[in-house]
Amino acid sequence: MSDLIKCYWSKNGVITHYAFHEKSNDSVSFAKKVDKRYAIQLLENPNNSAFTWILNYNLCGWKIGEEVKVVNGDSGKYLRSNPDKTETNNLEHLIDYDWLRYL
């Protein structure tokens, strides 16, 4: 299964959830909010993969960015896109939905 990650939610600067869109050959699902632990579990399965989904302002649409992998850091496992110093394809460049509040 291939997923696209379009945004995240954070608390105090730490990502807590992601918006995953399941991608098939001819369509993309609505976003599913998943917590960080589940996202890691999902991507540790070798049958699954995920990529950033980046807004292309020039084309007024979305494009597939970098592959997202699980890495093991000093504070535990987390998701990481290609650490190539290209800011626009990193997870932190995606939309942070933490500022959204329900009315």
C-alpha atoms as a PDB file:
ATOM      1  CA  MET A   1       0.000   0.000   0.000  1.00  0.00           C
ATOM      2  CA  SER A   2       1.221   3.480  -0.784  1.00  0.00           C
ATOM      3  CA  ASP A   3       0.203   6.499   1.274  1.00  0.00           C
ATOM      4  CA  LEU A   4       0.650  10.228   0.846  1.00  0.00           C
ATOM      5  CA  ILE A   5       1.277  12.510   3.829  1.00  0.00           C
ATOM      6  CA  LYS A   6      -0.096  16.011   3.304  1.00  0.00           C
ATOM      7  CA  CYS A   7      -0.010  17.604   6.750  1.00  0.00           C
ATOM      8  CA  TYR A   8       0.638  16.998  10.418  1.00  0.00           C
ATOM      9  CA  TRP A   9      -0.520  18.072  13.868  1.00  0.00           C
ATOM     10  CA  SER A  10       1.960  19.081  16.533  1.00  0.00           C
ATOM     11  CA  LYS A  11       2.021  19.963  20.196  1.00  0.00           C
ATOM     12  CA  ASN A  12       4.811  22.123  21.586  1.00  0.00           C
ATOM     13  CA  GLY A  13       6.783  21.675  18.359  1.00  0.00           C
ATOM     14  CA  VAL A  14       6.569  17.855  18.359  1.00  0.00           C
ATOM     15  CA  ILE A  15       4.595  16.070  15.629  1.00  0.00           C
ATOM     16  CA  THR A  16       1.793  13.979  17.154  1.00  0.00           C
ATOM     17  CA  HIS A  17      -0.394  13.033  14.153  1.00  0.00           C
ATOM     18  CA  TYR A  18      -0.275  12.876  10.356  1.00  0.00           C
ATOM     19  CA  ALA A  19      -2.883  13.126   7.587  1.00  0.00           C
ATOM     20  CA  PHE A  20      -2.501   9.970   5.481  1.00  0.00           C
ATOM     21  CA  HIS A  21      -4.155   9.647   2.062  1.00  0.00           C
ATOM     22  CA  GLU A  22      -4.246   6.144   0.608  1.00  0.00           C
ATOM     23  CA  LYS A  23      -3.173   6.156  -3.043  1.00  0.00           C
ATOM     24  CA  SER A  24      -4.391   3.613  -5.571  1.00  0.00           C
ATOM     25  CA  ASN A  25      -3.685   3.459  -9.302  1.00  0.00           C
ATOM     26  CA  ASP A  26      -6.367   5.973 -10.224  1.00  0.00           C
ATOM     27  CA  SER A  27      -7.469   7.758  -7.064  1.00  0.00           C
ATOM     28  CA  VAL A  28      -6.501   9.201  -3.700  1.00  0.00           C
ATOM     29  CA  SER A  29      -8.633   8.733  -0.573  1.00  0.00           C
ATOM     30  CA  PHE A  30      -9.812  11.400   1.830  1.00  0.00           C
ATOM     31  CA  ALA A  31      -7.334  12.160   4.621  1.00  0.00           C
ATOM     32  CA  LYS A  32      -7.181   9.871   7.626  1.00  0.00           C
ATOM     33  CA  LYS A  33      -5.739  11.386  10.827  1.00  0.00           C
ATOM     34  CA  VAL A  34      -3.358   8.836  12.365  1.00  0.00           C
ATOM     35  CA  ASP A  35      -1.222   9.176  15.452  1.00  0.00           C
ATOM     36  CA  LYS A  36       2.560   9.036  15.285  1.00  0.00           C
ATOM     37  CA  ARG A  37       2.739   5.545  16.817  1.00  0.00           C
ATOM     38  CA  TYR A  38       0.332   4.082  14.248  1.00  0.00           C
ATOM     39  CA  ALA A  39       2.127   5.858  11.375  1.00  0.00           C
ATOM     40  CA  ILE A  40       5.417   4.296  12.492  1.00  0.00           C
ATOM     41  CA  GLN A  41       3.807   0.863  12.816  1.00  0.00           C
ATOM     42  CA  LEU A  42       2.274   1.214   9.346  1.00  0.00           C
ATOM     43  CA  LEU A  43       5.568   2.172   7.694  1.00  0.00           C
ATOM     44  CA  GLU A  44       7.608  -0.490   9.478  1.00  0.00           C
ATOM     45  CA  ASN A  45       5.652  -3.016   7.421  1.00  0.00           C
ATOM     46  CA  PRO A  46       7.781  -3.596   4.285  1.00  0.00           C
ATOM     47  CA  ASN A  47       4.592  -3.857   2.175  1.00  0.00           C
ATOM     48  CA  ASN A  48       3.717  -0.210   2.923  1.00  0.00           C
ATOM     49  CA  SER A  49       5.310   3.033   1.797  1.00  0.00           C
ATOM     50  CA  ALA A  50       4.586   6.740   2.123  1.00  0.00           C
ATOM     51  CA  PHE A  51       5.612   9.925   0.365  1.00  0.00           C
ATOM     52  CA  THR A  52       5.165  13.593   1.142  1.00  0.00           C
ATOM     53  CA  TRP A  53       2.376  15.239  -0.834  1.00  0.00           C
ATOM     54  CA  ILE A  54       3.355  18.802  -1.638  1.00  0.00           C
ATOM     55  CA  LEU A  55       1.205  21.640  -2.939  1.00  0.00           C
ATOM     56  CA  ASN A  56       2.500  22.850  -6.298  1.00  0.00           C
ATOM     57  CA  TYR A  57       1.411  26.482  -6.392  1.00  0.00           C
ATOM     58  CA  ASN A  58       2.301  26.939 -10.079  1.00  0.00           C
ATOM     59  CA  LEU A  59       0.075  24.062 -11.185  1.00  0.00           C
ATOM     60  CA  CYS A  60      -2.596  24.637  -8.501  1.00  0.00           C
ATOM     61  CA  GLY A  61      -2.387  20.983  -7.527  1.00  0.00           C
ATOM     62  CA  TRP A  62      -0.505  18.407  -5.520  1.00  0.00           C
ATOM     63  CA  LYS A  63       2.673  16.535  -6.433  1.00  0.00           C
ATOM     64  CA  ILE A  64       4.387  13.564  -4.857  1.00  0.00           C
ATOM     65  CA  GLY A  65       7.557  14.502  -2.989  1.00  0.00           C
ATOM     66  CA  GLU A  66      10.070  12.454  -1.034  1.00  0.00           C
ATOM     67  CA  GLU A  67       9.691   8.969   0.402  1.00  0.00           C
ATOM     68  CA  VAL A  68       9.085   8.899   4.155  1.00  0.00           C
ATOM     69  CA  LYS A  69      10.893   6.294   6.282  1.00  0.00           C
ATOM     70  CA  VAL A  70      11.011   5.306   9.941  1.00  0.00           C
ATOM     71  CA  VAL A  71      14.299   6.208  11.630  1.00  0.00           C
ATOM     72  CA  ASN A  72      15.524   5.564  15.147  1.00  0.00           C
ATOM     73  CA  GLY A  73      16.713   8.711  16.918  1.00  0.00           C
ATOM     74  CA  ASP A  74      17.934   9.547  20.412  1.00  0.00           C
ATOM     75  CA  SER A  75      14.357   9.979  21.648  1.00  0.00           C
ATOM     76  CA  GLY A  76      12.922   6.954  19.808  1.00  0.00           C
ATOM     77  CA  LYS A  77      11.466   6.203  16.399  1.00  0.00           C
ATOM     78  CA  TYR A  78      10.036   8.916  14.165  1.00  0.00           C
ATOM     79  CA  LEU A  79       9.185   9.544  10.510  1.00  0.00           C
ATOM     80  CA  ARG A  80      11.755  11.215   8.292  1.00  0.00           C
ATOM     81  CA  SER A  81      11.779  12.280   4.674  1.00  0.00           C
ATOM     82  CA  ASN A  82      14.960  12.439   2.606  1.00  0.00           C
ATOM     83  CA  PRO A  83      17.458  14.507   4.649  1.00  0.00           C
ATOM     84  CA  ASP A  84      18.844  16.251   1.556  1.00  0.00           C
ATOM     85  CA  LYS A  85      18.578  19.815   2.872  1.00  0.00           C
ATOM     86  CA  THR A  86      15.798  20.623   0.358  1.00  0.00           C
ATOM     87  CA  GLU A  87      13.371  22.307   2.725  1.00  0.00           C
ATOM     88  CA  THR A  88      10.323  22.059   0.493  1.00  0.00           C
ATOM     89  CA  ASN A  89      10.261  18.255   0.510  1.00  0.00           C
ATOM     90  CA  ASN A  90      10.721  17.741   4.250  1.00  0.00           C
ATOM     91  CA  LEU A  91       7.909  16.785   6.620  1.00  0.00           C
ATOM     92  CA  GLU A  92       8.273  20.034   8.552  1.00  0.00           C
ATOM     93  CA  HIS A  93       7.501  21.978   5.373  1.00  0.00           C
ATOM     94  CA  LEU A  94       4.053  20.369   5.196  1.00  0.00           C
ATOM     95  CA  ILE A  95       1.033  22.150   6.640  1.00  0.00           C
ATOM     96  CA  ASP A  96       0.866  22.091  10.466  1.00  0.00           C
ATOM     97  CA  TYR A  97      -2.815  21.690  11.330  1.00  0.00           C
ATOM     98  CA  ASP A  98      -2.208  22.276  15.029  1.00  0.00           C
ATOM     99  CA  TRP A  99      -3.493  25.834  14.645  1.00  0.00           C
ATOM    100  CA  LEU A 100      -6.940  24.559  13.530  1.00  0.00           C
ATOM    101  CA  ARG A 101      -9.588  24.678  16.216  1.00  0.00           C
ATOM    102  CA  TYR A 102     -13.120  23.356  16.085  1.00  0.00           C
ATOM    103  CA  LEU A 103     -15.847  25.972  16.412  1.00  0.00           C
END
